[in-house]
């Protein structure tokens, strides 16, 4: 049986994509999406209009990780050698051995592509 540990750094990857734990420094890796792709955030519950908003979004995700409610990742496209966006495990219920996958967004250049 697998025991999920919030203090561990989980890397999920295959030949095409890598998910690694999101860090506050990833503001730099994701800022182009905040600055130049406003359509990504059109239906988001957390509006992102600039780098400051993106930093707040990441801080909120990391606070949820700290409180053991969520586990956010940054998504790296290995084929394009670029950061593609973000996703996370949320509604983590260790006692029920369940979680949800969501809060996922990708830059336009990565939308419609299949990561296998």
C-alpha atoms as a PDB file:
ATOM      1  CA  UNK A   1       0.000   0.000   0.000  1.00  0.00           C
ATOM      2  CA  UNK A   2       1.288   3.442  -0.976  1.00  0.00           C
ATOM      3  CA  UNK A   3       1.339   6.134   1.701  1.00  0.00           C
ATOM      4  CA  UNK A   4       1.190   9.690   0.385  1.00  0.00           C
ATOM      5  CA  UNK A   5       3.654  11.999   2.137  1.00  0.00           C
ATOM      6  CA  UNK A   6       3.241  15.738   1.555  1.00  0.00           C
ATOM      7  CA  UNK A   7       6.856  16.380   2.555  1.00  0.00           C
ATOM      8  CA  UNK A   8       8.161  14.237  -0.319  1.00  0.00           C
ATOM      9  CA  UNK A   9       8.995  15.565  -3.770  1.00  0.00           C
ATOM     10  CA  UNK A  10       7.038  13.460  -6.244  1.00  0.00           C
ATOM     11  CA  UNK A  11       8.102  13.488  -9.884  1.00  0.00           C
ATOM     12  CA  UNK A  12       5.684  11.929 -12.375  1.00  0.00           C
ATOM     13  CA  UNK A  13       7.048  11.495 -15.862  1.00  0.00           C
ATOM     14  CA  UNK A  14       7.278   9.563 -19.066  1.00  0.00           C
ATOM     15  CA  UNK A  15       9.051  10.215 -22.381  1.00  0.00           C
ATOM     16  CA  UNK A  16       6.833  13.212 -23.206  1.00  0.00           C
ATOM     17  CA  UNK A  17       6.050  15.056 -20.000  1.00  0.00           C
ATOM     18  CA  UNK A  18       7.299  15.616 -16.475  1.00  0.00           C
ATOM     19  CA  UNK A  19       5.291  16.817 -13.487  1.00  0.00           C
ATOM     20  CA  UNK A  20       7.391  18.039 -10.598  1.00  0.00           C
ATOM     21  CA  UNK A  21       6.393  19.804  -7.391  1.00  0.00           C
ATOM     22  CA  UNK A  22       5.467  23.442  -7.923  1.00  0.00           C
ATOM     23  CA  UNK A  23       7.729  25.976  -6.168  1.00  0.00           C
ATOM     24  CA  UNK A  24       7.448  29.727  -5.659  1.00  0.00           C
ATOM     25  CA  UNK A  25      10.414  30.177  -8.017  1.00  0.00           C
ATOM     26  CA  UNK A  26       8.220  28.788 -10.800  1.00  0.00           C
ATOM     27  CA  UNK A  27       6.706  32.237 -11.167  1.00  0.00           C
ATOM     28  CA  UNK A  28       9.583  32.804 -13.607  1.00  0.00           C
ATOM     29  CA  UNK A  29       8.767  29.636 -15.552  1.00  0.00           C
ATOM     30  CA  UNK A  30       5.066  30.446 -15.870  1.00  0.00           C
ATOM     31  CA  UNK A  31       5.014  34.247 -16.092  1.00  0.00           C
ATOM     32  CA  UNK A  32       4.591  34.360 -19.879  1.00  0.00           C
ATOM     33  CA  UNK A  33       1.169  32.735 -19.429  1.00  0.00           C
ATOM     34  CA  UNK A  34       0.128  35.443 -16.968  1.00  0.00           C
ATOM     35  CA  UNK A  35       1.397  38.254 -19.184  1.00  0.00           C
ATOM     36  CA  UNK A  36       0.528  37.124 -22.707  1.00  0.00           C
ATOM     37  CA  UNK A  37      -2.281  34.569 -22.528  1.00  0.00           C
ATOM     38  CA  UNK A  38      -5.279  36.147 -20.782  1.00  0.00           C
ATOM     39  CA  UNK A  39      -7.695  33.627 -22.357  1.00  0.00           C
ATOM     40  CA  UNK A  40      -6.281  30.886 -20.109  1.00  0.00           C
ATOM     41  CA  UNK A  41      -7.759  32.663 -17.107  1.00  0.00           C
ATOM     42  CA  UNK A  42     -11.119  33.639 -18.615  1.00  0.00           C
ATOM     43  CA  UNK A  43     -13.084  31.040 -16.626  1.00  0.00           C
ATOM     44  CA  UNK A  44     -10.695  30.657 -13.710  1.00  0.00           C
ATOM     45  CA  UNK A  45     -11.962  31.187 -10.183  1.00  0.00           C
ATOM     46  CA  UNK A  46      -8.662  32.990  -9.534  1.00  0.00           C
ATOM     47  CA  UNK A  47      -8.153  35.757 -12.100  1.00  0.00           C
ATOM     48  CA  UNK A  48      -4.573  36.184 -13.298  1.00  0.00           C
ATOM     49  CA  UNK A  49      -3.799  39.520 -14.939  1.00  0.00           C
ATOM     50  CA  UNK A  50      -0.110  39.933 -14.166  1.00  0.00           C
ATOM     51  CA  UNK A  51       2.925  38.340 -12.515  1.00  0.00           C
ATOM     52  CA  UNK A  52       1.795  39.479  -9.076  1.00  0.00           C
ATOM     53  CA  UNK A  53      -1.504  37.602  -9.493  1.00  0.00           C
ATOM     54  CA  UNK A  54       0.404  34.520 -10.672  1.00  0.00           C
ATOM     55  CA  UNK A  55       2.632  34.688  -7.616  1.00  0.00           C
ATOM     56  CA  UNK A  56      -0.482  34.850  -5.417  1.00  0.00           C
ATOM     57  CA  UNK A  57      -1.947  31.846  -7.244  1.00  0.00           C
ATOM     58  CA  UNK A  58       1.222  29.828  -6.636  1.00  0.00           C
ATOM     59  CA  UNK A  59       1.398  30.938  -2.989  1.00  0.00           C
ATOM     60  CA  UNK A  60      -2.210  29.817  -2.519  1.00  0.00           C
ATOM     61  CA  UNK A  61      -1.419  26.412  -4.064  1.00  0.00           C
ATOM     62  CA  UNK A  62       1.652  26.019  -1.845  1.00  0.00           C
ATOM     63  CA  UNK A  63      -0.340  26.987   1.260  1.00  0.00           C
ATOM     64  CA  UNK A  64      -2.845  24.253   0.396  1.00  0.00           C
ATOM     65  CA  UNK A  65       0.066  21.824   0.109  1.00  0.00           C
ATOM     66  CA  UNK A  66       1.379  22.958   3.494  1.00  0.00           C
ATOM     67  CA  UNK A  67      -2.028  22.296   5.032  1.00  0.00           C
ATOM     68  CA  UNK A  68      -2.047  18.858   3.339  1.00  0.00           C
ATOM     69  CA  UNK A  69      -5.112  19.552   1.222  1.00  0.00           C
ATOM     70  CA  UNK A  70      -3.510  19.731  -2.229  1.00  0.00           C
ATOM     71  CA  UNK A  71      -0.286  18.857  -4.022  1.00  0.00           C
ATOM     72  CA  UNK A  72       0.514  21.183  -6.953  1.00  0.00           C
ATOM     73  CA  UNK A  73       2.780  20.387  -9.902  1.00  0.00           C
ATOM     74  CA  UNK A  74       4.379  22.330 -12.719  1.00  0.00           C
ATOM     75  CA  UNK A  75       4.090  20.595 -16.096  1.00  0.00           C
ATOM     76  CA  UNK A  76       7.146  20.397 -18.362  1.00  0.00           C
ATOM     77  CA  UNK A  77       6.771  19.338 -22.002  1.00  0.00           C
ATOM     78  CA  UNK A  78       9.884  17.307 -22.828  1.00  0.00           C
ATOM     79  CA  UNK A  79       9.350  17.432 -26.583  1.00  0.00           C
ATOM     80  CA  UNK A  80       9.157  21.219 -26.719  1.00  0.00           C
ATOM     81  CA  UNK A  81      11.574  21.621 -23.789  1.00  0.00           C
ATOM     82  CA  UNK A  82       9.274  24.205 -22.220  1.00  0.00           C
ATOM     83  CA  UNK A  83       7.029  24.583 -19.222  1.00  0.00           C
ATOM     84  CA  UNK A  84       3.461  23.971 -20.329  1.00  0.00           C
ATOM     85  CA  UNK A  85       1.348  24.890 -17.287  1.00  0.00           C
ATOM     86  CA  UNK A  86       0.239  23.472 -13.985  1.00  0.00           C
ATOM     87  CA  UNK A  87      -1.982  20.813 -12.432  1.00  0.00           C
ATOM     88  CA  UNK A  88      -2.536  19.424  -8.957  1.00  0.00           C
ATOM     89  CA  UNK A  89      -3.915  16.717  -6.788  1.00  0.00           C
ATOM     90  CA  UNK A  90      -6.702  18.153  -4.645  1.00  0.00           C
ATOM     91  CA  UNK A  91      -9.417  16.988  -2.275  1.00  0.00           C
ATOM     92  CA  UNK A  92      -6.824  14.591  -0.921  1.00  0.00           C
ATOM     93  CA  UNK A  93      -8.454  12.208   1.547  1.00  0.00           C
ATOM     94  CA  UNK A  94      -5.733  10.004   2.958  1.00  0.00           C
ATOM     95  CA  UNK A  95      -8.164   8.123   5.193  1.00  0.00           C
ATOM     96  CA  UNK A  96     -10.180   7.134   2.103  1.00  0.00           C
ATOM     97  CA  UNK A  97      -7.134   6.700  -0.117  1.00  0.00           C
ATOM     98  CA  UNK A  98      -8.567   9.085  -2.704  1.00  0.00           C
ATOM     99  CA  UNK A  99      -7.767  12.326  -4.444  1.00  0.00           C
ATOM    100  CA  UNK A 100      -8.903  14.364  -7.414  1.00  0.00           C
ATOM    101  CA  UNK A 101      -6.820  15.680 -10.311  1.00  0.00           C
ATOM    102  CA  UNK A 102      -7.610  19.197 -11.422  1.00  0.00           C
ATOM    103  CA  UNK A 103      -6.854  22.901 -11.342  1.00  0.00           C
ATOM    104  CA  UNK A 104      -5.140  22.110 -14.638  1.00  0.00           C
ATOM    105  CA  UNK A 105      -4.212  24.739 -17.183  1.00  0.00           C
ATOM    106  CA  UNK A 106      -1.868  24.799 -20.178  1.00  0.00           C
ATOM    107  CA  UNK A 107      -0.510  27.562 -22.373  1.00  0.00           C
ATOM    108  CA  UNK A 108      -2.027  27.810 -25.846  1.00  0.00           C
ATOM    109  CA  UNK A 109       0.958  26.123 -27.516  1.00  0.00           C
ATOM    110  CA  UNK A 110       0.296  23.033 -25.378  1.00  0.00           C
ATOM    111  CA  UNK A 111      -3.485  22.844 -25.576  1.00  0.00           C
ATOM    112  CA  UNK A 112      -4.980  20.077 -27.654  1.00  0.00           C
ATOM    113  CA  UNK A 113      -1.843  17.931 -27.371  1.00  0.00           C
ATOM    114  CA  UNK A 114      -1.904  14.518 -25.826  1.00  0.00           C
ATOM    115  CA  UNK A 115       0.584  13.657 -23.140  1.00  0.00           C
ATOM    116  CA  UNK A 116       0.794   9.894 -22.908  1.00  0.00           C
END
